[in-house]
C-alpha atoms as a PDB file:
ATOM      1  CA  UNK A   1     -79.722  66.284   6.102  1.00  0.00           C
ATOM      2  CA  UNK A   2     -82.461  65.357   3.671  1.00  0.00           C
ATOM      3  CA  UNK A   3     -85.655  67.292   3.081  1.00  0.00           C
ATOM      4  CA  UNK A   4     -88.980  65.505   3.638  1.00  0.00           C
ATOM      5  CA  UNK A   5     -91.317  65.599   0.650  1.00  0.00           C
ATOM      6  CA  UNK A   6     -94.839  64.295   0.096  1.00  0.00           C
ATOM      7  CA  UNK A   7     -98.161  64.758   1.828  1.00  0.00           C
ATOM      8  CA  UNK A   8     -97.220  63.281   5.207  1.00  0.00           C
ATOM      9  CA  UNK A   9     -94.479  64.993   7.180  1.00  0.00           C
ATOM     10  CA  UNK A  10     -93.419  63.836  10.630  1.00  0.00           C
ATOM     11  CA  UNK A  11     -91.311  64.886  13.584  1.00  0.00           C
ATOM     12  CA  UNK A  12     -89.704  62.562  16.090  1.00  0.00           C
ATOM     13  CA  UNK A  13     -87.361  59.578  15.986  1.00  0.00           C
ATOM     14  CA  UNK A  14     -87.853  56.216  14.313  1.00  0.00           C
ATOM     15  CA  UNK A  15     -85.059  53.692  14.681  1.00  0.00           C
ATOM     16  CA  UNK A  16     -81.867  55.547  13.713  1.00  0.00           C
ATOM     17  CA  UNK A  17     -83.584  58.470  11.944  1.00  0.00           C
ATOM     18  CA  UNK A  18     -84.542  61.864  13.396  1.00  0.00           C
ATOM     19  CA  UNK A  19     -87.370  63.731  11.703  1.00  0.00           C
ATOM     20  CA  UNK A  20     -87.651  67.425  12.540  1.00  0.00           C
ATOM     21  CA  UNK A  21     -89.061  70.786  11.481  1.00  0.00           C
ATOM     22  CA  UNK A  22     -86.819  73.817  11.090  1.00  0.00           C
ATOM     23  CA  UNK A  23     -87.911  77.227   9.801  1.00  0.00           C
ATOM     24  CA  UNK A  24     -91.086  75.790   8.311  1.00  0.00           C
ATOM     25  CA  UNK A  25     -89.328  72.966   6.423  1.00  0.00           C
ATOM     26  CA  UNK A  26     -89.220  69.289   7.361  1.00  0.00           C
ATOM     27  CA  UNK A  27     -85.957  67.354   7.392  1.00  0.00           C
ATOM     28  CA  UNK A  28     -84.579  63.943   8.305  1.00  0.00           C
ATOM     29  CA  UNK A  29     -81.095  62.978   9.487  1.00  0.00           C
ATOM     30  CA  UNK A  30     -79.411  60.036  11.122  1.00  0.00           C
ATOM     31  CA  UNK A  31     -79.323  59.932  14.882  1.00  0.00           C
ATOM     32  CA  UNK A  32     -76.148  61.293  16.499  1.00  0.00           C
ATOM     33  CA  UNK A  33     -73.866  58.972  18.424  1.00  0.00           C
ATOM     34  CA  UNK A  34     -73.187  61.772  20.927  1.00  0.00           C
ATOM     35  CA  UNK A  35     -75.178  62.146  24.094  1.00  0.00           C
ATOM     36  CA  UNK A  36     -74.994  64.662  26.911  1.00  0.00           C
ATOM     37  CA  UNK A  37     -73.248  62.271  29.266  1.00  0.00           C
ATOM     38  CA  UNK A  38     -70.380  61.680  26.819  1.00  0.00           C
ATOM     39  CA  UNK A  39     -69.915  65.390  26.098  1.00  0.00           C
ATOM     40  CA  UNK A  40     -69.802  66.152  29.840  1.00  0.00           C
ATOM     41  CA  UNK A  41     -67.398  63.323  30.785  1.00  0.00           C
ATOM     42  CA  UNK A  42     -65.173  62.610  27.761  1.00  0.00           C
ATOM     43  CA  UNK A  43     -61.741  64.266  27.790  1.00  0.00           C
ATOM     44  CA  UNK A  44     -62.161  65.033  24.082  1.00  0.00           C
ATOM     45  CA  UNK A  45     -64.880  67.557  25.008  1.00  0.00           C
ATOM     46  CA  UNK A  46     -63.046  69.173  27.936  1.00  0.00           C
ATOM     47  CA  UNK A  47     -62.610  72.508  26.139  1.00  0.00           C
ATOM     48  CA  UNK A  48     -66.264  72.466  25.053  1.00  0.00           C
ATOM     49  CA  UNK A  49     -67.288  72.172  28.687  1.00  0.00           C
ATOM     50  CA  UNK A  50     -64.951  75.015  29.694  1.00  0.00           C
ATOM     51  CA  UNK A  51     -66.655  77.271  27.168  1.00  0.00           C
ATOM     52  CA  UNK A  52     -70.076  76.035  28.288  1.00  0.00           C
ATOM     53  CA  UNK A  53     -69.158  77.004  31.856  1.00  0.00           C
ATOM     54  CA  UNK A  54     -68.028  80.458  30.699  1.00  0.00           C
ATOM     55  CA  UNK A  55     -71.264  80.926  28.753  1.00  0.00           C
ATOM     56  CA  UNK A  56     -73.341  79.922  31.783  1.00  0.00           C
ATOM     57  CA  UNK A  57     -71.497  82.487  33.902  1.00  0.00           C
ATOM     58  CA  UNK A  58     -71.828  85.160  31.202  1.00  0.00           C
ATOM     59  CA  UNK A  59     -75.546  84.484  30.923  1.00  0.00           C
ATOM     60  CA  UNK A  60     -76.071  84.911  34.670  1.00  0.00           C
ATOM     61  CA  UNK A  61     -74.122  88.171  34.761  1.00  0.00           C
ATOM     62  CA  UNK A  62     -75.908  89.501  31.656  1.00  0.00           C
ATOM     63  CA  UNK A  63     -79.247  88.562  33.200  1.00  0.00           C
ATOM     64  CA  UNK A  64     -78.528  90.669  36.271  1.00  0.00           C
ATOM     65  CA  UNK A  65     -77.509  93.628  34.099  1.00  0.00           C
ATOM     66  CA  UNK A  66     -80.507  93.172  31.814  1.00  0.00           C
ATOM     67  CA  UNK A  67     -82.965  93.214  34.711  1.00  0.00           C
ATOM     68  CA  UNK A  68     -81.728  96.671  35.728  1.00  0.00           C
ATOM     69  CA  UNK A  69     -82.970  98.119  32.409  1.00  0.00           C
ATOM     70  CA  UNK A  70     -86.441  99.644  32.045  1.00  0.00           C
ATOM     71  CA  UNK A  71     -88.894  97.108  30.570  1.00  0.00           C
ATOM     72  CA  UNK A  72     -89.486  99.165  27.423  1.00  0.00           C
ATOM     73  CA  UNK A  73     -85.755  98.996  26.569  1.00  0.00           C
ATOM     74  CA  UNK A  74     -85.449  95.217  26.973  1.00  0.00           C
ATOM     75  CA  UNK A  75     -85.302  92.860  24.006  1.00  0.00           C
ATOM     76  CA  UNK A  76     -83.975  89.382  23.282  1.00  0.00           C
ATOM     77  CA  UNK A  77     -81.427  90.883  20.898  1.00  0.00           C
ATOM     78  CA  UNK A  78     -80.091  93.173  23.625  1.00  0.00           C
ATOM     79  CA  UNK A  79     -79.877  90.307  26.125  1.00  0.00           C
ATOM     80  CA  UNK A  80     -77.900  88.231  23.639  1.00  0.00           C
ATOM     81  CA  UNK A  81     -75.582  91.158  22.904  1.00  0.00           C
ATOM     82  CA  UNK A  82     -74.956  91.649  26.632  1.00  0.00           C
ATOM     83  CA  UNK A  83     -74.226  87.948  27.044  1.00  0.00           C
ATOM     84  CA  UNK A  84     -71.738  88.065  24.165  1.00  0.00           C
ATOM     85  CA  UNK A  85     -69.936  91.096  25.572  1.00  0.00           C
ATOM     86  CA  UNK A  86     -69.722  89.551  29.040  1.00  0.00           C
ATOM     87  CA  UNK A  87     -68.450  86.313  27.471  1.00  0.00           C
ATOM     88  CA  UNK A  88     -65.634  88.226  25.725  1.00  0.00           C
ATOM     89  CA  UNK A  89     -64.631  89.845  29.010  1.00  0.00           C
ATOM     90  CA  UNK A  90     -64.685  86.513  30.854  1.00  0.00           C
ATOM     91  CA  UNK A  91     -62.422  85.022  28.187  1.00  0.00           C
ATOM     92  CA  UNK A  92     -59.982  87.918  28.668  1.00  0.00           C
ATOM     93  CA  UNK A  93     -60.012  87.392  32.439  1.00  0.00           C
ATOM     94  CA  UNK A  94     -59.488  83.655  32.026  1.00  0.00           C
ATOM     95  CA  UNK A  95     -56.587  84.242  29.618  1.00  0.00           C
ATOM     96  CA  UNK A  96     -54.943  86.638  32.079  1.00  0.00           C
ATOM     97  CA  UNK A  97     -55.377  84.227  34.973  1.00  0.00           C
ATOM     98  CA  UNK A  98     -53.860  81.312  33.093  1.00  0.00           C
ATOM     99  CA  UNK A  99     -50.666  81.353  31.109  1.00  0.00           C
ATOM    100  CA  UNK A 100     -51.439  77.868  29.757  1.00  0.00           C
ATOM    101  CA  UNK A 101     -54.549  76.721  27.869  1.00  0.00           C
ATOM    102  CA  UNK A 102     -57.958  76.886  29.551  1.00  0.00           C
ATOM    103  CA  UNK A 103     -58.480  74.228  32.158  1.00  0.00           C
ATOM    104  CA  UNK A 104     -61.759  72.898  33.519  1.00  0.00           C
ATOM    105  CA  UNK A 105     -61.044  74.439  36.929  1.00  0.00           C
ATOM    106  CA  UNK A 106     -63.848  76.777  38.025  1.00  0.00           C
ATOM    107  CA  UNK A 107     -63.076  80.469  37.765  1.00  0.00           C
ATOM    108  CA  UNK A 108     -63.709  82.659  40.820  1.00  0.00           C
ATOM    109  CA  UNK A 109     -65.582  85.859  40.062  1.00  0.00           C
ATOM    110  CA  UNK A 110     -66.934  88.415  42.469  1.00  0.00           C
ATOM    111  CA  UNK A 111     -70.173  90.145  41.490  1.00  0.00           C
END
């Protein structure tokens, strides 16, 4: 990743270059060959999708817990902490339910 310098700074994509702003600084990098379709379908990313599924489930569970808290106690940090703790528990459950490596089969959870 290269830093943009000079008077004119841009964001967006031109040809094979992506220009972007991060934390107040402007950068440029080459465009990635990955796209969402490949990550979702390619066998090489099967485990990534398993973890994405677990994170989606953890987020939904954490959201339900978070909404039970009084508004003055809520914060983004707390929501993220809840999501992380639920994710750890889901991983434990998944490990118990499977003696082999994670598979992409959906996990059944009762709420």
